[in-house]
Full PDB file with SEQRES, HELIX, SHEET, SSBOND, CRYST1, ORIGX, SCALE, CONECT and MASTER records, all heavy atoms in Angstrom:
SEQRES   1 A   30  ALA MET LYS ARG ALA GLU SER LEU ARG LEU ALA ILE ALA          
SEQRES   2 A   30  ARG ALA GLY PHE LEU TYR ALA ASP LYS HIS PRO VAL ASN          
SEQRES   3 A   30  MET THR ALA SER                                              
HELIX    1 AA1 MET A    2  ALA A   13  1                                  12    
SHEET    1 AA1 2 PHE A  17  TYR A  19  0                                        
SHEET    2 AA1 2 HIS A  23  VAL A  25 -1                                        
CRYST1    1.000    1.000    1.000  90.00  90.00  90.00 P 1           1          
ORIGX1      1.000000  0.000000  0.000000        0.00000                         
ORIGX2      0.000000  1.000000  0.000000        0.00000                         
ORIGX3      0.000000  0.000000  1.000000        0.00000                         
SCALE1      1.000000  0.000000  0.000000        0.00000                         
SCALE2      0.000000  1.000000  0.000000        0.00000                         
SCALE3      0.000000  0.000000  1.000000        0.00000                         
ATOM      1  N   ALA A   1      73.771 -11.003 -30.230  1.00  0.00           N  
ATOM      2  CA  ALA A   1      72.723 -11.638 -29.609  1.00  0.00           C  
ATOM      3  C   ALA A   1      72.570 -13.119 -29.924  1.00  0.00           C  
ATOM      4  O   ALA A   1      72.283 -13.905 -29.049  1.00  0.00           O  
ATOM      5  CB  ALA A   1      71.403 -10.820 -29.856  1.00  0.00           C  
ATOM      6  N   MET A   2      72.781 -13.429 -31.180  1.00  0.00           N  
ATOM      7  CA  MET A   2      72.683 -14.808 -31.603  1.00  0.00           C  
ATOM      8  C   MET A   2      73.816 -15.653 -30.933  1.00  0.00           C  
ATOM      9  O   MET A   2      73.579 -16.863 -30.456  1.00  0.00           O  
ATOM     10  CB  MET A   2      72.819 -14.988 -33.136  1.00  0.00           C  
ATOM     11  CG  MET A   2      71.438 -14.692 -33.838  1.00  0.00           C  
ATOM     12  SD  MET A   2      70.032 -15.730 -33.254  1.00  0.00           S  
ATOM     13  CE  MET A   2      70.581 -17.352 -33.936  1.00  0.00           C  
ATOM     14  N   LYS A   3      75.005 -15.076 -30.770  1.00  0.00           N  
ATOM     15  CA  LYS A   3      76.144 -15.775 -30.083  1.00  0.00           C  
ATOM     16  C   LYS A   3      75.761 -15.911 -28.656  1.00  0.00           C  
ATOM     17  O   LYS A   3      76.016 -17.009 -28.068  1.00  0.00           O  
ATOM     18  CB  LYS A   3      77.368 -14.861 -30.201  1.00  0.00           C  
ATOM     19  CG  LYS A   3      77.925 -14.823 -31.663  1.00  0.00           C  
ATOM     20  CD  LYS A   3      79.153 -14.067 -31.629  1.00  0.00           C  
ATOM     21  CE  LYS A   3      79.732 -13.911 -33.085  1.00  0.00           C  
ATOM     22  NZ  LYS A   3      80.956 -13.030 -33.182  1.00  0.00           N  
ATOM     23  N   ARG A   4      75.144 -14.967 -27.939  1.00  0.00           N  
ATOM     24  CA  ARG A   4      74.779 -15.113 -26.634  1.00  0.00           C  
ATOM     25  C   ARG A   4      73.778 -16.111 -26.420  1.00  0.00           C  
ATOM     26  O   ARG A   4      73.753 -16.890 -25.502  1.00  0.00           O  
ATOM     27  CB  ARG A   4      74.244 -13.738 -26.136  1.00  0.00           C  
ATOM     28  CG  ARG A   4      74.141 -13.613 -24.626  1.00  0.00           C  
ATOM     29  CD  ARG A   4      75.456 -13.532 -23.883  1.00  0.00           C  
ATOM     30  NE  ARG A   4      75.917 -12.199 -23.963  1.00  0.00           N  
ATOM     31  CZ  ARG A   4      76.931 -11.609 -24.621  1.00  0.00           C  
ATOM     32  NH1 ARG A   4      77.558 -12.453 -25.457  1.00  0.00           N  
ATOM     33  NH2 ARG A   4      77.224 -10.318 -24.638  1.00  0.00           N  
ATOM     34  N   ALA A   5      72.749 -16.223 -27.363  1.00  0.00           N  
ATOM     35  CA  ALA A   5      71.706 -17.244 -27.270  1.00  0.00           C  
ATOM     36  C   ALA A   5      72.359 -18.650 -27.439  1.00  0.00           C  
ATOM     37  O   ALA A   5      71.942 -19.577 -26.718  1.00  0.00           O  
ATOM     38  CB  ALA A   5      70.684 -16.999 -28.381  1.00  0.00           C  
ATOM     39  N   GLU A   6      73.292 -18.788 -28.335  1.00  0.00           N  
ATOM     40  CA  GLU A   6      73.955 -20.070 -28.431  1.00  0.00           C  
ATOM     41  C   GLU A   6      74.740 -20.450 -27.200  1.00  0.00           C  
ATOM     42  O   GLU A   6      74.751 -21.588 -26.675  1.00  0.00           O  
ATOM     43  CB  GLU A   6      74.819 -20.091 -29.669  1.00  0.00           C  
ATOM     44  CG  GLU A   6      75.507 -21.439 -29.845  1.00  0.00           C  
ATOM     45  CD  GLU A   6      74.497 -22.559 -30.276  1.00  0.00           C  
ATOM     46  OE1 GLU A   6      73.230 -22.289 -30.521  1.00  0.00           O  
ATOM     47  OE2 GLU A   6      74.964 -23.717 -30.271  1.00  0.00           O  
ATOM     48  N   SER A   7      75.302 -19.413 -26.535  1.00  0.00           N  
ATOM     49  CA  SER A   7      76.031 -19.621 -25.253  1.00  0.00           C  
ATOM     50  C   SER A   7      75.025 -20.067 -24.148  1.00  0.00           C  
ATOM     51  O   SER A   7      75.332 -21.026 -23.375  1.00  0.00           O  
ATOM     52  CB  SER A   7      76.801 -18.390 -24.879  1.00  0.00           C  
ATOM     53  OG  SER A   7      77.763 -18.142 -25.772  1.00  0.00           O  
ATOM     54  N   LEU A   8      73.863 -19.463 -24.067  1.00  0.00           N  
ATOM     55  CA  LEU A   8      72.808 -19.845 -23.186  1.00  0.00           C  
ATOM     56  C   LEU A   8      72.375 -21.251 -23.436  1.00  0.00           C  
ATOM     57  O   LEU A   8      72.208 -22.055 -22.475  1.00  0.00           O  
ATOM     58  CB  LEU A   8      71.721 -18.907 -23.233  1.00  0.00           C  
ATOM     59  CG  LEU A   8      71.891 -17.499 -22.689  1.00  0.00           C  
ATOM     60  CD1 LEU A   8      70.714 -16.490 -23.160  1.00  0.00           C  
ATOM     61  CD2 LEU A   8      71.874 -17.485 -21.173  1.00  0.00           C  
ATOM     62  N   ARG A   9      72.114 -21.613 -24.729  1.00  0.00           N  
ATOM     63  CA  ARG A   9      71.668 -22.961 -25.061  1.00  0.00           C  
ATOM     64  C   ARG A   9      72.604 -23.973 -24.511  1.00  0.00           C  
ATOM     65  O   ARG A   9      72.314 -24.940 -23.966  1.00  0.00           O  
ATOM     66  CB  ARG A   9      71.497 -23.062 -26.551  1.00  0.00           C  
ATOM     67  CG  ARG A   9      70.773 -24.380 -26.903  1.00  0.00           C  
ATOM     68  CD  ARG A   9      70.748 -24.469 -28.477  1.00  0.00           C  
ATOM     69  NE  ARG A   9      72.100 -24.747 -29.001  1.00  0.00           N  
ATOM     70  CZ  ARG A   9      72.709 -25.908 -28.965  1.00  0.00           C  
ATOM     71  NH1 ARG A   9      72.162 -26.971 -28.492  1.00  0.00           N  
ATOM     72  NH2 ARG A   9      73.974 -26.034 -29.463  1.00  0.00           N  
ATOM     73  N   LEU A  10      73.911 -23.819 -24.819  1.00  0.00           N  
ATOM     74  CA  LEU A  10      74.969 -24.759 -24.525  1.00  0.00           C  
ATOM     75  C   LEU A  10      75.168 -24.848 -22.971  1.00  0.00           C  
ATOM     76  O   LEU A  10      75.290 -25.877 -22.445  1.00  0.00           O  
ATOM     77  CB  LEU A  10      76.244 -24.399 -25.106  1.00  0.00           C  
ATOM     78  CG  LEU A  10      76.394 -24.544 -26.594  1.00  0.00           C  
ATOM     79  CD1 LEU A  10      77.659 -23.959 -27.144  1.00  0.00           C  
ATOM     80  CD2 LEU A  10      76.218 -26.031 -27.040  1.00  0.00           C  
ATOM     81  N   ALA A  11      75.053 -23.697 -22.324  1.00  0.00           N  
ATOM     82  CA  ALA A  11      75.134 -23.677 -20.808  1.00  0.00           C  
ATOM     83  C   ALA A  11      74.039 -24.448 -20.197  1.00  0.00           C  
ATOM     84  O   ALA A  11      74.365 -25.161 -19.157  1.00  0.00           O  
ATOM     85  CB  ALA A  11      75.138 -22.183 -20.295  1.00  0.00           C  
ATOM     86  N   ILE A  12      72.778 -24.369 -20.641  1.00  0.00           N  
ATOM     87  CA  ILE A  12      71.656 -25.081 -20.154  1.00  0.00           C  
ATOM     88  C   ILE A  12      71.818 -26.553 -20.431  1.00  0.00           C  
ATOM     89  O   ILE A  12      71.618 -27.352 -19.525  1.00  0.00           O  
ATOM     90  CB  ILE A  12      70.396 -24.522 -20.630  1.00  0.00           C  
ATOM     91  CG1 ILE A  12      70.155 -23.123 -20.137  1.00  0.00           C  
ATOM     92  CG2 ILE A  12      69.232 -25.412 -20.311  1.00  0.00           C  
ATOM     93  CD1 ILE A  12      69.062 -22.362 -20.885  1.00  0.00           C  
ATOM     94  N   ALA A  13      72.290 -26.902 -21.615  1.00  0.00           N  
ATOM     95  CA  ALA A  13      72.391 -28.300 -22.006  1.00  0.00           C  
ATOM     96  C   ALA A  13      73.582 -28.967 -21.077  1.00  0.00           C  
ATOM     97  O   ALA A  13      73.417 -30.227 -21.015  1.00  0.00           O  
ATOM     98  CB  ALA A  13      72.817 -28.437 -23.548  1.00  0.00           C  
ATOM     99  N   ARG A  14      74.476 -28.263 -20.711  1.00  0.00           N  
ATOM    100  CA  ARG A  14      75.579 -28.768 -19.845  1.00  0.00           C  
ATOM    101  C   ARG A  14      75.349 -28.759 -18.362  1.00  0.00           C  
ATOM    102  O   ARG A  14      76.138 -29.148 -17.565  1.00  0.00           O  
ATOM    103  CB  ARG A  14      76.837 -28.047 -20.207  1.00  0.00           C  
ATOM    104  CG  ARG A  14      77.341 -28.246 -21.681  1.00  0.00           C  
ATOM    105  CD  ARG A  14      78.433 -27.276 -21.972  1.00  0.00           C  
ATOM    106  NE  ARG A  14      78.920 -27.429 -23.361  1.00  0.00           N  
ATOM    107  CZ  ARG A  14      79.712 -26.528 -23.943  1.00  0.00           C  
ATOM    108  NH1 ARG A  14      79.990 -25.386 -23.383  1.00  0.00           N  
ATOM    109  NH2 ARG A  14      80.116 -26.793 -25.265  1.00  0.00           N  
ATOM    110  N   ALA A  15      74.135 -28.284 -18.016  1.00  0.00           N  
ATOM    111  CA  ALA A  15      73.889 -28.031 -16.599  1.00  0.00           C  
ATOM    112  C   ALA A  15      73.104 -29.042 -15.865  1.00  0.00           C  
ATOM    113  O   ALA A  15      72.389 -28.867 -14.865  1.00  0.00           O  
ATOM    114  CB  ALA A  15      73.115 -26.679 -16.395  1.00  0.00           C  
ATOM    115  N   GLY A  16      73.196 -30.317 -16.445  1.00  0.00           N  
ATOM    116  CA  GLY A  16      72.471 -31.449 -15.805  1.00  0.00           C  
ATOM    117  C   GLY A  16      72.901 -31.685 -14.377  1.00  0.00           C  
ATOM    118  O   GLY A  16      74.032 -31.293 -13.933  1.00  0.00           O  
ATOM    119  N   PHE A  17      72.170 -32.368 -13.559  1.00  0.00           N  
ATOM    120  CA  PHE A  17      72.425 -32.535 -12.166  1.00  0.00           C  
ATOM    121  C   PHE A  17      71.787 -33.892 -11.760  1.00  0.00           C  
ATOM    122  O   PHE A  17      70.932 -34.441 -12.397  1.00  0.00           O  
ATOM    123  CB  PHE A  17      71.981 -31.408 -11.267  1.00  0.00           C  
ATOM    124  CG  PHE A  17      70.509 -31.240 -11.289  1.00  0.00           C  
ATOM    125  CD1 PHE A  17      69.670 -31.729 -10.255  1.00  0.00           C  
ATOM    126  CD2 PHE A  17      69.917 -30.451 -12.158  1.00  0.00           C  
ATOM    127  CE1 PHE A  17      68.315 -31.530 -10.214  1.00  0.00           C  
ATOM    128  CE2 PHE A  17      68.430 -30.216 -12.223  1.00  0.00           C  
ATOM    129  CZ  PHE A  17      67.690 -30.793 -11.278  1.00  0.00           C  
ATOM    130  N   LEU A  18      72.203 -34.352 -10.533  1.00  0.00           N  
ATOM    131  CA  LEU A  18      71.680 -35.578  -9.965  1.00  0.00           C  
ATOM    132  C   LEU A  18      70.721 -35.205  -8.841  1.00  0.00           C  
ATOM    133  O   LEU A  18      71.091 -34.500  -7.876  1.00  0.00           O  
ATOM    134  CB  LEU A  18      72.796 -36.402  -9.456  1.00  0.00           C  
ATOM    135  CG  LEU A  18      72.596 -37.853  -9.228  1.00  0.00           C  
ATOM    136  CD1 LEU A  18      72.189 -38.615 -10.570  1.00  0.00           C  
ATOM    137  CD2 LEU A  18      73.790 -38.616  -8.588  1.00  0.00           C  
ATOM    138  N   TYR A  19      69.516 -35.608  -8.992  1.00  0.00           N  
ATOM    139  CA  TYR A  19      68.397 -35.247  -8.008  1.00  0.00           C  
ATOM    140  C   TYR A  19      68.272 -36.351  -6.977  1.00  0.00           C  
ATOM    141  O   TYR A  19      68.164 -37.518  -7.348  1.00  0.00           O  
ATOM    142  CB  TYR A  19      67.130 -34.866  -8.677  1.00  0.00           C  
ATOM    143  CG  TYR A  19      66.040 -34.468  -7.715  1.00  0.00           C  
ATOM    144  CD1 TYR A  19      66.101 -33.244  -6.983  1.00  0.00           C  
ATOM    145  CD2 TYR A  19      64.935 -35.345  -7.487  1.00  0.00           C  
ATOM    146  CE1 TYR A  19      65.175 -32.828  -6.120  1.00  0.00           C  
ATOM    147  CE2 TYR A  19      63.979 -34.878  -6.567  1.00  0.00           C  
ATOM    148  CZ  TYR A  19      64.055 -33.710  -5.883  1.00  0.00           C  
ATOM    149  OH  TYR A  19      63.071 -33.257  -5.055  1.00  0.00           O  
ATOM    150  N   ALA A  20      68.207 -35.925  -5.746  1.00  0.00           N  
ATOM    151  CA  ALA A  20      68.118 -36.887  -4.609  1.00  0.00           C  
ATOM    152  C   ALA A  20      69.221 -38.003  -4.742  1.00  0.00           C  
ATOM    153  O   ALA A  20      68.955 -39.169  -4.348  1.00  0.00           O  
ATOM    154  CB  ALA A  20      66.754 -37.543  -4.631  1.00  0.00           C  
ATOM    155  N   ASP A  21      70.441 -37.612  -5.295  1.00  0.00           N  
ATOM    156  CA  ASP A  21      71.575 -38.476  -5.350  1.00  0.00           C  
ATOM    157  C   ASP A  21      71.362 -39.695  -6.259  1.00  0.00           C  
ATOM    158  O   ASP A  21      72.219 -40.626  -6.240  1.00  0.00           O  
ATOM    159  CB  ASP A  21      71.970 -38.951  -3.934  1.00  0.00           C  
ATOM    160  CG  ASP A  21      72.481 -37.847  -3.007  1.00  0.00           C  
ATOM    161  OD1 ASP A  21      73.077 -36.939  -3.562  1.00  0.00           O  
ATOM    162  OD2 ASP A  21      72.192 -37.863  -1.888  1.00  0.00           O  
ATOM    163  N   LYS A  22      70.277 -39.716  -6.953  1.00  0.00           N  
ATOM    164  CA  LYS A  22      70.109 -40.963  -7.861  1.00  0.00           C  
ATOM    165  C   LYS A  22      69.302 -40.746  -9.085  1.00  0.00           C  
ATOM    166  O   LYS A  22      69.376 -41.621  -9.973  1.00  0.00           O  
ATOM    167  CB  LYS A  22      69.357 -42.076  -7.051  1.00  0.00           C  
ATOM    168  CG  LYS A  22      68.056 -41.603  -6.557  1.00  0.00           C  
ATOM    169  CD  LYS A  22      67.396 -42.741  -5.619  1.00  0.00           C  
ATOM    170  CE  LYS A  22      66.075 -42.353  -5.106  1.00  0.00           C  
ATOM    171  NZ  LYS A  22      65.452 -43.364  -4.222  1.00  0.00           N  
ATOM    172  N   HIS A  23      68.794 -39.543  -9.273  1.00  0.00           N  
ATOM    173  CA  HIS A  23      67.965 -39.265 -10.539  1.00  0.00           C  
ATOM    174  C   HIS A  23      68.672 -38.316 -11.462  1.00  0.00           C  
ATOM    175  O   HIS A  23      68.726 -37.100 -11.060  1.00  0.00           O  
ATOM    176  CB  HIS A  23      66.583 -38.813 -10.189  1.00  0.00           C  
ATOM    177  CG  HIS A  23      65.814 -39.774  -9.406  1.00  0.00           C  
ATOM    178  ND1 HIS A  23      65.345 -40.985  -9.799  1.00  0.00           N  
ATOM    179  CD2 HIS A  23      65.300 -39.611  -8.042  1.00  0.00           C  
ATOM    180  CE1 HIS A  23      64.690 -41.601  -8.883  1.00  0.00           C  
ATOM    181  NE2 HIS A  23      64.691 -40.801  -7.787  1.00  0.00           N  
ATOM    182  N   PRO A  24      69.235 -38.693 -12.563  1.00  0.00           N  
ATOM    183  CA  PRO A  24      69.901 -37.679 -13.398  1.00  0.00           C  
ATOM    184  C   PRO A  24      68.824 -36.821 -14.071  1.00  0.00           C  
ATOM    185  O   PRO A  24      67.812 -37.327 -14.620  1.00  0.00           O  
ATOM    186  CB  PRO A  24      70.587 -38.512 -14.426  1.00  0.00           C  
ATOM    187  CG  PRO A  24      69.941 -39.889 -14.387  1.00  0.00           C  
ATOM    188  CD  PRO A  24      69.414 -39.997 -13.069  1.00  0.00           C  
ATOM    189  N   VAL A  25      69.150 -35.555 -14.025  1.00  0.00           N  
ATOM    190  CA  VAL A  25      68.176 -34.583 -14.727  1.00  0.00           C  
ATOM    191  C   VAL A  25      69.029 -33.827 -15.731  1.00  0.00           C  
ATOM    192  O   VAL A  25      69.967 -33.038 -15.387  1.00  0.00           O  
ATOM    193  CB  VAL A  25      67.525 -33.616 -13.677  1.00  0.00           C  
ATOM    194  CG1 VAL A  25      66.661 -32.609 -14.444  1.00  0.00           C  
ATOM    195  CG2 VAL A  25      66.830 -34.315 -12.605  1.00  0.00           C  
ATOM    196  N   ASN A  26      68.590 -33.987 -17.045  1.00  0.00           N  
ATOM    197  CA  ASN A  26      69.226 -33.223 -18.037  1.00  0.00           C  
ATOM    198  C   ASN A  26      68.265 -32.298 -18.716  1.00  0.00           C  
ATOM    199  O   ASN A  26      66.996 -32.607 -18.848  1.00  0.00           O  
ATOM    200  CB  ASN A  26      69.720 -34.233 -19.161  1.00  0.00           C  
ATOM    201  CG  ASN A  26      70.887 -35.141 -18.566  1.00  0.00           C  
ATOM    202  OD1 ASN A  26      71.810 -34.682 -18.127  1.00  0.00           O  
ATOM    203  ND2 ASN A  26      70.636 -36.498 -18.712  1.00  0.00           N  
ATOM    204  N   MET A  27      68.642 -31.119 -19.193  1.00  0.00           N  
ATOM    205  CA  MET A  27      67.729 -30.090 -19.612  1.00  0.00           C  
ATOM    206  C   MET A  27      68.320 -29.465 -20.935  1.00  0.00           C  
ATOM    207  O   MET A  27      69.472 -29.373 -21.225  1.00  0.00           O  
ATOM    208  CB  MET A  27      67.607 -29.057 -18.619  1.00  0.00           C  
ATOM    209  CG  MET A  27      67.166 -29.497 -17.297  1.00  0.00           C  
ATOM    210  SD  MET A  27      67.497 -28.336 -15.959  1.00  0.00           S  
ATOM    211  CE  MET A  27      69.330 -28.380 -15.812  1.00  0.00           C  
ATOM    212  N   THR A  28      67.316 -29.034 -21.778  1.00  0.00           N  
ATOM    213  CA  THR A  28      67.621 -28.258 -22.972  1.00  0.00           C  
ATOM    214  C   THR A  28      66.633 -27.129 -22.968  1.00  0.00           C  
ATOM    215  O   THR A  28      65.659 -27.046 -22.316  1.00  0.00           O  
ATOM    216  CB  THR A  28      67.537 -28.963 -24.251  1.00  0.00           C  
ATOM    217  OG1 THR A  28      66.164 -29.510 -24.446  1.00  0.00           O  
ATOM    218  CG2 THR A  28      68.500 -30.259 -24.243  1.00  0.00           C  
ATOM    219  N   ALA A  29      66.868 -26.180 -23.892  1.00  0.00           N  
ATOM    220  CA  ALA A  29      65.999 -25.040 -23.908  1.00  0.00           C  
ATOM    221  C   ALA A  29      65.833 -24.576 -25.408  1.00  0.00           C  
ATOM    222  O   ALA A  29      66.849 -24.734 -26.202  1.00  0.00           O  
ATOM    223  CB  ALA A  29      66.458 -23.768 -23.186  1.00  0.00           C  
ATOM    224  N   SER A  30      64.722 -24.016 -25.721  1.00  0.00           N  
ATOM    225  CA  SER A  30      64.445 -23.392 -27.129  1.00  0.00           C  
ATOM    226  C   SER A  30      64.505 -21.896 -26.898  1.00  0.00           C  
ATOM    227  O   SER A  30      63.906 -21.393 -25.898  1.00  0.00           O  
ATOM    228  CB  SER A  30      63.142 -23.858 -27.694  1.00  0.00           C  
ATOM    229  OG  SER A  30      63.068 -25.241 -27.779  1.00  0.00           O  
TER     230      SER A  30                                                      
MASTER        0    0    0    1    2    0    0    6  229    1    0    3          
END                                                                             
């Protein structure tokens, strides 16, 4: 479960996107 949590954390941290083609949105989770 701890390994899965770390995989989730990394997946979210790497899932940034560009909103309206000009605003970078980066995310993390606890």
